[in-house]
PDB file of N, CA and C in Angstrom:
ATOM      1  N   MET A   1      99.985  78.961  96.266  1.00  0.00           N
ATOM      2  CA  MET A   1      99.606  78.840  97.664  1.00  0.00           C
ATOM      3  C   MET A   1      98.084  78.730  97.814  1.00  0.00           C
ATOM      4  N   LEU A   2      97.343  79.454  96.946  1.00  0.00           N
ATOM      5  CA  LEU A   2      95.882  79.412  97.051  1.00  0.00           C
ATOM      6  C   LEU A   2      95.330  78.031  96.701  1.00  0.00           C
ATOM      7  N   ARG A   3      95.915  77.380  95.705  1.00  0.00           N
ATOM      8  CA  ARG A   3      95.445  76.020  95.351  1.00  0.00           C
ATOM      9  C   ARG A   3      95.651  75.056  96.519  1.00  0.00           C
ATOM     10  N   LYS A   4      96.812  75.161  97.156  1.00  0.00           N
ATOM     11  CA  LYS A   4      97.090  74.309  98.310  1.00  0.00           C
ATOM     12  C   LYS A   4      96.130  74.633  99.446  1.00  0.00           C
ATOM     13  N   ALA A   5      95.913  75.923  99.672  1.00  0.00           N
ATOM     14  CA  ALA A   5      94.998  76.340 100.739  1.00  0.00           C
ATOM     15  C   ALA A   5      93.578  75.884 100.453  1.00  0.00           C
ATOM     16  N   ALA A   6      93.182  75.874  99.185  1.00  0.00           N
ATOM     17  CA  ALA A   6      91.826  75.439  98.827  1.00  0.00           C
ATOM     18  C   ALA A   6      91.612  73.971  99.188  1.00  0.00           C
ATOM     19  N   ARG A   7      92.668  73.193  99.099  1.00  0.00           N
ATOM     20  CA  ARG A   7      92.554  71.773  99.450  1.00  0.00           C
ATOM     21  C   ARG A   7      92.639  71.536 100.955  1.00  0.00           C
ATOM     22  N   GLU A   8      93.400  72.386 101.650  1.00  0.00           N
ATOM     23  CA  GLU A   8      93.719  72.097 103.042  1.00  0.00           C
ATOM     24  C   GLU A   8      93.018  72.992 104.062  1.00  0.00           C
ATOM     25  N   GLU A   9      92.725  74.223 103.690  1.00  0.00           N
ATOM     26  CA  GLU A   9      92.147  75.181 104.640  1.00  0.00           C
ATOM     27  C   GLU A   9      90.668  74.890 104.894  1.00  0.00           C
ATOM     28  N   VAL A  10      90.257  75.182 106.089  1.00  0.00           N
ATOM     29  CA  VAL A  10      88.849  75.142 106.456  1.00  0.00           C
ATOM     30  C   VAL A  10      88.346  76.575 106.377  1.00  0.00           C
ATOM     31  N   LEU A  11      87.264  76.778 105.640  1.00  0.00           N
ATOM     32  CA  LEU A  11      86.709  78.124 105.536  1.00  0.00           C
ATOM     33  C   LEU A  11      86.055  78.507 106.851  1.00  0.00           C
ATOM     34  N   ILE A  12      86.505  79.600 107.397  1.00  0.00           N
ATOM     35  CA  ILE A  12      85.960  80.102 108.653  1.00  0.00           C
ATOM     36  C   ILE A  12      85.164  81.358 108.327  1.00  0.00           C
ATOM     37  N   LEU A  13      83.867  81.221 108.297  1.00  0.00           N
ATOM     38  CA  LEU A  13      83.001  82.347 107.956  1.00  0.00           C
ATOM     39  C   LEU A  13      82.314  82.830 109.232  1.00  0.00           C
ATOM     40  N   ASP A  14      83.057  83.585 110.039  1.00  0.00           N
ATOM     41  CA  ASP A  14      82.470  84.034 111.295  1.00  0.00           C
ATOM     42  C   ASP A  14      82.061  85.505 111.271  1.00  0.00           C
ATOM     43  N   HIS A  15      82.372  86.202 110.213  1.00  0.00           N
ATOM     44  CA  HIS A  15      81.944  87.597 110.069  1.00  0.00           C
ATOM     45  C   HIS A  15      80.719  87.622 109.151  1.00  0.00           C
ATOM     46  N   GLU A  16      79.759  88.495 109.449  1.00  0.00           N
ATOM     47  CA  GLU A  16      78.517  88.525 108.660  1.00  0.00           C
ATOM     48  C   GLU A  16      78.774  88.834 107.190  1.00  0.00           C
ATOM     49  N   LYS A  17      79.806  89.629 106.869  1.00  0.00           N
ATOM     50  CA  LYS A  17      80.117  89.968 105.475  1.00  0.00           C
ATOM     51  C   LYS A  17      80.720  88.771 104.749  1.00  0.00           C
ATOM     52  N   GLU A  18      81.438  87.917 105.473  1.00  0.00           N
ATOM     53  CA  GLU A  18      81.954  86.676 104.879  1.00  0.00           C
ATOM     54  C   GLU A  18      80.795  85.768 104.490  1.00  0.00           C
ATOM     55  N   TRP A  19      79.835  85.638 105.395  1.00  0.00           N
ATOM     56  CA  TRP A  19      78.650  84.811 105.127  1.00  0.00           C
ATOM     57  C   TRP A  19      77.877  85.331 103.919  1.00  0.00           C
ATOM     58  N   LYS A  20      77.683  86.646 103.897  1.00  0.00           N
ATOM     59  CA  LYS A  20      76.908  87.253 102.819  1.00  0.00           C
ATOM     60  C   LYS A  20      77.596  87.021 101.473  1.00  0.00           C
ATOM     61  N   LEU A  21      78.911  87.191 101.424  1.00  0.00           N
ATOM     62  CA  LEU A  21      79.640  86.968 100.180  1.00  0.00           C
ATOM     63  C   LEU A  21      79.613  85.495  99.788  1.00  0.00           C
ATOM     64  N   GLY A  22      79.826  84.616 100.744  1.00  0.00           N
ATOM     65  CA  GLY A  22      79.791  83.180 100.461  1.00  0.00           C
ATOM     66  C   GLY A  22      78.456  82.738  99.888  1.00  0.00           C
ATOM     67  N   LYS A  23      77.369  83.220 100.472  1.00  0.00           N
ATOM     68  CA  LYS A  23      76.036  82.866  99.969  1.00  0.00           C
ATOM     69  C   LYS A  23      75.805  83.428  98.576  1.00  0.00           C
ATOM     70  N   CYS A  24      76.304  84.623  98.332  1.00  0.00           N
ATOM     71  CA  CYS A  24      76.141  85.240  97.012  1.00  0.00           C
ATOM     72  C   CYS A  24      76.907  84.442  95.953  1.00  0.00           C
ATOM     73  N   ILE A  25      78.117  84.021  96.261  1.00  0.00           N
ATOM     74  CA  ILE A  25      78.916  83.219  95.331  1.00  0.00           C
ATOM     75  C   ILE A  25      78.197  81.910  95.011  1.00  0.00           C
ATOM     76  N   LEU A  26      77.619  81.283  96.031  1.00  0.00           N
ATOM     77  CA  LEU A  26      76.951  79.992  95.836  1.00  0.00           C
ATOM     78  C   LEU A  26      75.686  80.084  94.983  1.00  0.00           C
ATOM     79  N   ARG A  27      75.168  81.282  94.776  1.00  0.00           N
ATOM     80  CA  ARG A  27      73.967  81.444  93.943  1.00  0.00           C
ATOM     81  C   ARG A  27      74.272  81.420  92.447  1.00  0.00           C
ATOM     82  N   PHE A  28      75.544  81.437  92.050  1.00  0.00           N
ATOM     83  CA  PHE A  28      75.913  81.509  90.641  1.00  0.00           C
ATOM     84  C   PHE A  28      75.303  80.378  89.791  1.00  0.00           C
ATOM     85  N   PRO A  29      75.385  79.111  90.206  1.00  0.00           N
ATOM     86  CA  PRO A  29      74.754  78.061  89.396  1.00  0.00           C
ATOM     87  C   PRO A  29      73.241  78.263  89.240  1.00  0.00           C
ATOM     88  N   GLU A  30      72.592  78.737  90.292  1.00  0.00           N
ATOM     89  CA  GLU A  30      71.153  79.014  90.234  1.00  0.00           C
ATOM     90  C   GLU A  30      70.854  80.102  89.199  1.00  0.00           C
ATOM     91  N   ILE A  31      71.669  81.127  89.153  1.00  0.00           N
ATOM     92  CA  ILE A  31      71.494  82.213  88.186  1.00  0.00           C
ATOM     93  C   ILE A  31      71.682  81.685  86.769  1.00  0.00           C
ATOM     94  N   LEU A  32      72.701  80.852  86.561  1.00  0.00           N
ATOM     95  CA  LEU A  32      72.924  80.282  85.233  1.00  0.00           C
ATOM     96  C   LEU A  32      71.744  79.421  84.791  1.00  0.00           C
ATOM     97  N   GLN A  33      71.201  78.647  85.712  1.00  0.00           N
ATOM     98  CA  GLN A  33      70.038  77.813  85.390  1.00  0.00           C
ATOM     99  C   GLN A  33      68.840  78.677  85.005  1.00  0.00           C
ATOM    100  N   LYS A  34      68.632  79.749  85.718  1.00  0.00           N
ATOM    101  CA  LYS A  34      67.524  80.665  85.415  1.00  0.00           C
ATOM    102  C   LYS A  34      67.693  81.266  84.023  1.00  0.00           C
ATOM    103  N   ILE A  35      68.916  81.637  83.674  1.00  0.00           N
ATOM    104  CA  ILE A  35      69.179  82.205  82.350  1.00  0.00           C
ATOM    105  C   ILE A  35      68.895  81.176  81.258  1.00  0.00           C
ATOM    106  N   LEU A  36      69.258  79.935  81.502  1.00  0.00           N
ATOM    107  CA  LEU A  36      68.990  78.882  80.527  1.00  0.00           C
ATOM    108  C   LEU A  36      67.493  78.663  80.319  1.00  0.00           C
ATOM    109  N   GLU A  37      66.731  78.864  81.376  1.00  0.00           N
ATOM    110  CA  GLU A  37      65.287  78.655  81.280  1.00  0.00           C
ATOM    111  C   GLU A  37      64.572  79.805  80.593  1.00  0.00           C
ATOM    112  N   ASP A  38      64.943  81.059  80.926  1.00  0.00           N
ATOM    113  CA  ASP A  38      64.183  82.186  80.377  1.00  0.00           C
ATOM    114  C   ASP A  38      64.934  83.007  79.323  1.00  0.00           C
ATOM    115  N   LEU A  39      66.232  82.711  79.129  1.00  0.00           N
ATOM    116  CA  LEU A  39      67.058  83.383  78.122  1.00  0.00           C
ATOM    117  C   LEU A  39      67.136  84.906  78.302  1.00  0.00           C
ATOM    118  N   LEU A  40      67.056  85.366  79.531  1.00  0.00           N
ATOM    119  CA  LEU A  40      67.148  86.792  79.833  1.00  0.00           C
ATOM    120  C   LEU A  40      68.489  87.065  80.518  1.00  0.00           C
ATOM    121  N   LEU A  41      69.431  87.606  79.751  1.00  0.00           N
ATOM    122  CA  LEU A  41      70.785  87.808  80.260  1.00  0.00           C
ATOM    123  C   LEU A  41      70.891  88.929  81.293  1.00  0.00           C
ATOM    124  N   HIS A  42      69.887  89.789  81.356  1.00  0.00           N
ATOM    125  CA  HIS A  42      69.971  90.868  82.348  1.00  0.00           C
ATOM    126  C   HIS A  42      69.999  90.300  83.771  1.00  0.00           C
ATOM    127  N   THR A  43      69.497  89.089  83.948  1.00  0.00           N
ATOM    128  CA  THR A  43      69.542  88.432  85.260  1.00  0.00           C
ATOM    129  C   THR A  43      70.998  88.250  85.695  1.00  0.00           C
ATOM    130  N   LEU A  44      71.840  87.872  84.745  1.00  0.00           N
ATOM    131  CA  LEU A  44      73.265  87.710  85.045  1.00  0.00           C
ATOM    132  C   LEU A  44      73.906  89.063  85.366  1.00  0.00           C
ATOM    133  N   CYS A  45      73.533  90.092  84.631  1.00  0.00           N
ATOM    134  CA  CYS A  45      74.061  91.438  84.900  1.00  0.00           C
ATOM    135  C   CYS A  45      73.685  91.891  86.307  1.00  0.00           C
ATOM    136  N   ASP A  46      72.437  91.682  86.678  1.00  0.00           N
ATOM    137  CA  ASP A  46      71.974  92.050  88.027  1.00  0.00           C
ATOM    138  C   ASP A  46      72.765  91.288  89.090  1.00  0.00           C
ATOM    139  N   TYR A  47      72.970  89.989  88.843  1.00  0.00           N
ATOM    140  CA  TYR A  47      73.708  89.161  89.795  1.00  0.00           C
ATOM    141  C   TYR A  47      75.152  89.639  89.934  1.00  0.00           C
ATOM    142  N   LEU A  48      75.815  89.920  88.811  1.00  0.00           N
ATOM    143  CA  LEU A  48      77.207  90.366  88.862  1.00  0.00           C
ATOM    144  C   LEU A  48      77.335  91.700  89.595  1.00  0.00           C
ATOM    145  N   TYR A  49      76.367  92.570  89.410  1.00  0.00           N
ATOM    146  CA  TYR A  49      76.365  93.841  90.143  1.00  0.00           C
ATOM    147  C   TYR A  49      76.209  93.578  91.649  1.00  0.00           C
ATOM    148  N   GLU A  50      75.296  92.688  91.998  1.00  0.00           N
ATOM    149  CA  GLU A  50      75.095  92.339  93.408  1.00  0.00           C
ATOM    150  C   GLU A  50      76.356  91.722  93.995  1.00  0.00           C
ATOM    151  N   LEU A  51      77.006  90.841  93.234  1.00  0.00           N
ATOM    152  CA  LEU A  51      78.239  90.204  93.702  1.00  0.00           C
ATOM    153  C   LEU A  51      79.335  91.251  93.917  1.00  0.00           C
ATOM    154  N   ALA A  52      79.446  92.191  93.000  1.00  0.00           N
ATOM    155  CA  ALA A  52      80.469  93.244  93.132  1.00  0.00           C
ATOM    156  C   ALA A  52      80.222  94.110  94.360  1.00  0.00           C
ATOM    157  N   THR A  53      78.975  94.486  94.601  1.00  0.00           N
ATOM    158  CA  THR A  53      78.686  95.322  95.770  1.00  0.00           C
ATOM    159  C   THR A  53      78.859  94.530  97.066  1.00  0.00           C
ATOM    160  N   THR A  54      78.501  93.260  97.049  1.00  0.00           N
ATOM    161  CA  THR A  54      78.692  92.414  98.230  1.00  0.00           C
ATOM    162  C   THR A  54      80.181  92.237  98.516  1.00  0.00           C
ATOM    163  N   PHE A  55      80.976  92.065  97.457  1.00  0.00           N
ATOM    164  CA  PHE A  55      82.421  91.940  97.642  1.00  0.00           C
ATOM    165  C   PHE A  55      83.001  93.230  98.220  1.00  0.00           C
ATOM    166  N   THR A  56      82.535  94.369  97.759  1.00  0.00           N
ATOM    167  CA  THR A  56      83.019  95.649  98.268  1.00  0.00           C
ATOM    168  C   THR A  56      82.732  95.782  99.762  1.00  0.00           C
ATOM    169  N   GLU A  57      81.536  95.379 100.178  1.00  0.00           N
ATOM    170  CA  GLU A  57      81.202  95.397 101.612  1.00  0.00           C
ATOM    171  C   GLU A  57      82.145  94.487 102.395  1.00  0.00           C
ATOM    172  N   PHE A  58      82.387  93.296 101.857  1.00  0.00           N
ATOM    173  CA  PHE A  58      83.289  92.328 102.487  1.00  0.00           C
ATOM    174  C   PHE A  58      84.698  92.909 102.597  1.00  0.00           C
ATOM    175  N   TYR A  59      85.182  93.476 101.499  1.00  0.00           N
ATOM    176  CA  TYR A  59      86.550  94.003 101.448  1.00  0.00           C
ATOM    177  C   TYR A  59      86.744  95.173 102.415  1.00  0.00           C
ATOM    178  N   ASP A  60      85.704  95.978 102.586  1.00  0.00           N
ATOM    179  CA  ASP A  60      85.780  97.105 103.516  1.00  0.00           C
ATOM    180  C   ASP A  60      85.785  96.658 104.980  1.00  0.00           C
ATOM    181  N   SER A  61      85.178  95.511 105.264  1.00  0.00           N
ATOM    182  CA  SER A  61      85.004  95.068 106.647  1.00  0.00           C
ATOM    183  C   SER A  61      85.995  94.003 107.099  1.00  0.00           C
ATOM    184  N   CYS A  62      86.511  93.216 106.164  1.00  0.00           N
ATOM    185  CA  CYS A  62      87.312  92.041 106.524  1.00  0.00           C
ATOM    186  C   CYS A  62      88.708  92.125 105.903  1.00  0.00           C
ATOM    187  N   TYR A  63      89.723  92.147 106.741  1.00  0.00           N
ATOM    188  CA  TYR A  63      91.093  92.199 106.245  1.00  0.00           C
ATOM    189  C   TYR A  63      91.559  90.810 105.830  1.00  0.00           C
ATOM    190  N   CYS A  64      92.134  90.731 104.651  1.00  0.00           N
ATOM    191  CA  CYS A  64      92.712  89.471 104.188  1.00  0.00           C
ATOM    192  C   CYS A  64      94.136  89.320 104.718  1.00  0.00           C
ATOM    193  N   VAL A  65      94.861  90.418 104.714  1.00  0.00           N
ATOM    194  CA  VAL A  65      96.232  90.448 105.222  1.00  0.00           C
ATOM    195  C   VAL A  65      96.293  91.515 106.307  1.00  0.00           C
ATOM    196  N   GLU A  66      96.666  91.092 107.499  1.00  0.00           N
ATOM    197  CA  GLU A  66      96.757  92.017 108.627  1.00  0.00           C
ATOM    198  C   GLU A  66      98.216  92.393 108.850  1.00  0.00           C
ATOM    199  N   LYS A  67      98.460  93.710 108.939  1.00  0.00           N
ATOM    200  CA  LYS A  67      99.818  94.207 109.130  1.00  0.00           C
ATOM    201  C   LYS A  67      99.934  94.957 110.453  1.00  0.00           C
ATOM    202  N   ASP A  68     101.142  94.961 110.993  1.00  0.00           N
ATOM    203  CA  ASP A  68     101.448  95.737 112.185  1.00  0.00           C
ATOM    204  C   ASP A  68     101.435  97.214 111.803  1.00  0.00           C
ATOM    205  N   ARG A  69     100.738  98.022 112.565  1.00  0.00           N
ATOM    206  CA  ARG A  69     100.607  99.451 112.244  1.00  0.00           C
ATOM    207  C   ARG A  69     101.937 100.199 112.334  1.00  0.00           C
ATOM    208  N   GLN A  70     102.806  99.765 113.218  1.00  0.00           N
ATOM    209  CA  GLN A  70     104.074 100.462 113.432  1.00  0.00           C
ATOM    210  C   GLN A  70     105.109 100.090 112.371  1.00  0.00           C
ATOM    211  N   THR A  71     105.286  98.794 112.152  1.00  0.00           N
ATOM    212  CA  THR A  71     106.374  98.332 111.282  1.00  0.00           C
ATOM    213  C   THR A  71     105.927  98.035 109.857  1.00  0.00           C
ATOM    214  N   GLY A  72     104.646  97.772 109.662  1.00  0.00           N
ATOM    215  CA  GLY A  72     104.161  97.397 108.340  1.00  0.00           C
ATOM    216  C   GLY A  72     104.398  95.936 108.016  1.00  0.00           C
ATOM    217  N   GLN A  73     104.904  95.199 108.970  1.00  0.00           N
ATOM    218  CA  GLN A  73     105.154  93.764 108.778  1.00  0.00           C
ATOM    219  C   GLN A  73     103.837  92.995 108.783  1.00  0.00           C
ATOM    220  N   ILE A  74     103.777  91.970 107.963  1.00  0.00           N
ATOM    221  CA  ILE A  74     102.582  91.124 107.912  1.00  0.00           C
ATOM    222  C   ILE A  74     102.497  90.308 109.191  1.00  0.00           C
ATOM    223  N   VAL A  75     101.365  90.430 109.866  1.00  0.00           N
ATOM    224  CA  VAL A  75     101.144  89.717 111.120  1.00  0.00           C
ATOM    225  C   VAL A  75     100.377  88.423 110.863  1.00  0.00           C
ATOM    226  N   LYS A  76      99.368  88.508 109.994  1.00  0.00           N
ATOM    227  CA  LYS A  76      98.504  87.348 109.767  1.00  0.00           C
ATOM    228  C   LYS A  76      97.939  87.409 108.354  1.00  0.00           C
ATOM    229  N   VAL A  77      97.884  86.250 107.712  1.00  0.00           N
ATOM    230  CA  VAL A  77      97.245  86.131 106.402  1.00  0.00           C
ATOM    231  C   VAL A  77      96.033  85.226 106.575  1.00  0.00           C
ATOM    232  N   ASN A  78      94.859  85.770 106.299  1.00  0.00           N
ATOM    233  CA  ASN A  78      93.614  85.003 106.421  1.00  0.00           C
ATOM    234  C   ASN A  78      93.337  84.318 105.086  1.00  0.00           C
ATOM    235  N   MET A  79      93.808  83.081 104.971  1.00  0.00           N
ATOM    236  CA  MET A  79      93.711  82.369 103.693  1.00  0.00           C
ATOM    237  C   MET A  79      92.266  82.140 103.271  1.00  0.00           C
ATOM    238  N   TRP A  80      91.358  81.899 104.218  1.00  0.00           N
ATOM    239  CA  TRP A  80      89.976  81.666 103.839  1.00  0.00           C
ATOM    240  C   TRP A  80      89.369  82.912 103.202  1.00  0.00           C
ATOM    241  N   ARG A  81      89.798  84.075 103.638  1.00  0.00           N
ATOM    242  CA  ARG A  81      89.308  85.310 103.031  1.00  0.00           C
ATOM    243  C   ARG A  81      89.910  85.508 101.645  1.00  0.00           C
ATOM    244  N   LEU A  82      91.172  85.134 101.490  1.00  0.00           N
ATOM    245  CA  LEU A  82      91.771  85.192 100.160  1.00  0.00           C
ATOM    246  C   LEU A  82      91.076  84.216  99.212  1.00  0.00           C
ATOM    247  N   LEU A  83      90.658  83.082  99.733  1.00  0.00           N
ATOM    248  CA  LEU A  83      89.919  82.123  98.910  1.00  0.00           C
ATOM    249  C   LEU A  83      88.565  82.683  98.492  1.00  0.00           C
ATOM    250  N   LEU A  84      87.916  83.435  99.365  1.00  0.00           N
ATOM    251  CA  LEU A  84      86.668  84.105  98.987  1.00  0.00           C
ATOM    252  C   LEU A  84      86.915  85.133  97.879  1.00  0.00           C
ATOM    253  N   CYS A  85      88.025  85.844  97.984  1.00  0.00           N
ATOM    254  CA  CYS A  85      88.387  86.816  96.937  1.00  0.00           C
ATOM    255  C   CYS A  85      88.620  86.101  95.610  1.00  0.00           C
ATOM    256  N   GLU A  86      89.332  85.001  95.648  1.00  0.00           N
ATOM    257  CA  GLU A  86      89.614  84.234  94.429  1.00  0.00           C
ATOM    258  C   GLU A  86      88.331  83.669  93.829  1.00  0.00           C
ATOM    259  N   ALA A  87      87.442  83.164  94.663  1.00  0.00           N
ATOM    260  CA  ALA A  87      86.162  82.632  94.165  1.00  0.00           C
ATOM    261  C   ALA A  87      85.337  83.748  93.528  1.00  0.00           C
ATOM    262  N   THR A  88      85.341  84.911  94.140  1.00  0.00           N
ATOM    263  CA  THR A  88      84.611  86.054  93.578  1.00  0.00           C
ATOM    264  C   THR A  88      85.180  86.421  92.216  1.00  0.00           C
ATOM    265  N   ALA A  89      86.503  86.493  92.116  1.00  0.00           N
ATOM    266  CA  ALA A  89      87.146  86.831  90.841  1.00  0.00           C
ATOM    267  C   ALA A  89      86.825  85.798  89.765  1.00  0.00           C
ATOM    268  N   THR A  90      86.796  84.536  90.141  1.00  0.00           N
ATOM    269  CA  THR A  90      86.495  83.472  89.175  1.00  0.00           C
ATOM    270  C   THR A  90      85.065  83.581  88.669  1.00  0.00           C
ATOM    271  N   VAL A  91      84.125  83.801  89.577  1.00  0.00           N
ATOM    272  CA  VAL A  91      82.716  83.928  89.186  1.00  0.00           C
ATOM    273  C   VAL A  91      82.512  85.171  88.328  1.00  0.00           C
ATOM    274  N   MET A  92      83.132  86.277  88.714  1.00  0.00           N
ATOM    275  CA  MET A  92      83.008  87.505  87.922  1.00  0.00           C
ATOM    276  C   MET A  92      83.574  87.293  86.512  1.00  0.00           C
ATOM    277  N   ALA A  93      84.730  86.659  86.417  1.00  0.00           N
ATOM    278  CA  ALA A  93      85.350  86.415  85.113  1.00  0.00           C
ATOM    279  C   ALA A  93      84.465  85.528  84.243  1.00  0.00           C
ATOM    280  N   LYS A  94      83.902  84.491  84.824  1.00  0.00           N
ATOM    281  CA  LYS A  94      83.029  83.595  84.064  1.00  0.00           C
ATOM    282  C   LYS A  94      81.766  84.321  83.634  1.00  0.00           C
ATOM    283  N   GLY A  95      81.204  85.134  84.503  1.00  0.00           N
ATOM    284  CA  GLY A  95      80.017  85.911  84.150  1.00  0.00           C
ATOM    285  C   GLY A  95      80.290  86.884  83.024  1.00  0.00           C
ATOM    286  N   PHE A  96      81.426  87.583  83.089  1.00  0.00           N
ATOM    287  CA  PHE A  96      81.801  88.508  82.019  1.00  0.00           C
ATOM    288  C   PHE A  96      82.020  87.754  80.708  1.00  0.00           C
ATOM    289  N   ASP A  97      82.634  86.578  80.795  1.00  0.00           N
ATOM    290  CA  ASP A  97      82.871  85.771  79.605  1.00  0.00           C
ATOM    291  C   ASP A  97      81.547  85.380  78.942  1.00  0.00           C
ATOM    292  N   ILE A  98      80.575  84.983  79.733  1.00  0.00           N
ATOM    293  CA  ILE A  98      79.259  84.620  79.202  1.00  0.00           C
ATOM    294  C   ILE A  98      78.615  85.816  78.507  1.00  0.00           C
ATOM    295  N   LEU A  99      78.789  86.994  79.082  1.00  0.00           N
ATOM    296  CA  LEU A  99      78.216  88.210  78.507  1.00  0.00           C
ATOM    297  C   LEU A  99      79.030  88.760  77.333  1.00  0.00           C
ATOM    298  N   GLY A 100      80.226  88.201  77.118  1.00  0.00           N
ATOM    299  CA  GLY A 100      81.079  88.682  76.039  1.00  0.00           C
ATOM    300  C   GLY A 100      81.799  89.971  76.367  1.00  0.00           C
ATOM    301  N   ILE A 101      81.992  90.228  77.667  1.00  0.00           N
ATOM    302  CA  ILE A 101      82.661  91.445  78.119  1.00  0.00           C
ATOM    303  C   ILE A 101      84.096  91.101  78.501  1.00  0.00           C
ATOM    304  N   LYS A 102      85.039  91.863  77.970  1.00  0.00           N
ATOM    305  CA  LYS A 102      86.431  91.670  78.346  1.00  0.00           C
ATOM    306  C   LYS A 102      86.756  92.656  79.465  1.00  0.00           C
ATOM    307  N   PRO A 103      86.944  92.162  80.682  1.00  0.00           N
ATOM    308  CA  PRO A 103      87.200  93.071  81.804  1.00  0.00           C
ATOM    309  C   PRO A 103      88.596  93.683  81.733  1.00  0.00           C
ATOM    310  N   VAL A 104      88.734  94.888  82.245  1.00  0.00           N
ATOM    311  CA  VAL A 104      90.045  95.511  82.348  1.00  0.00           C
ATOM    312  C   VAL A 104      90.756  94.907  83.561  1.00  0.00           C
ATOM    313  N   GLN A 105      92.048  94.781  83.449  1.00  0.00           N
ATOM    314  CA  GLN A 105      92.812  94.179  84.544  1.00  0.00           C
ATOM    315  C   GLN A 105      93.132  95.182  85.638  1.00  0.00           C
ATOM    316  N   ARG A 106      93.136  96.464  85.253  1.00  0.00           N
ATOM    317  CA  ARG A 106      93.500  97.468  86.235  1.00  0.00           C
ATOM    318  C   ARG A 106      92.848  98.788  85.847  1.00  0.00           C
ATOM    319  N   MET A 107      92.412  99.550  86.847  1.00  0.00           N
ATOM    320  CA  MET A 107      91.807 100.852  86.577  1.00  0.00           C
ATOM    321  C   MET A 107      92.680 101.944  87.148  1.00  0.00           C
TER     322      MET A 107
END
């Protein structure tokens, strides 16, 4: 469903935390270029930490799946927010791969 949504959905970034996360994700190529120029991998570590904290702020403020409080039934699925989550996971995985870190799947 996410692949289909990525092709068809329009990203609606109307919450400030959505904007902040989106901008942080878009900085990944810039960070990689900087690492190639100066060969200092700590830049990537700093970026991944910033991305993780930005994602946490986003996750605390923006619901991806909205449920009815009484019944627990799903009322709305915000696909653009799920796409932001997927993009964050992809960037984090690629960053960890570059650093040679195998992330745990569950804590």
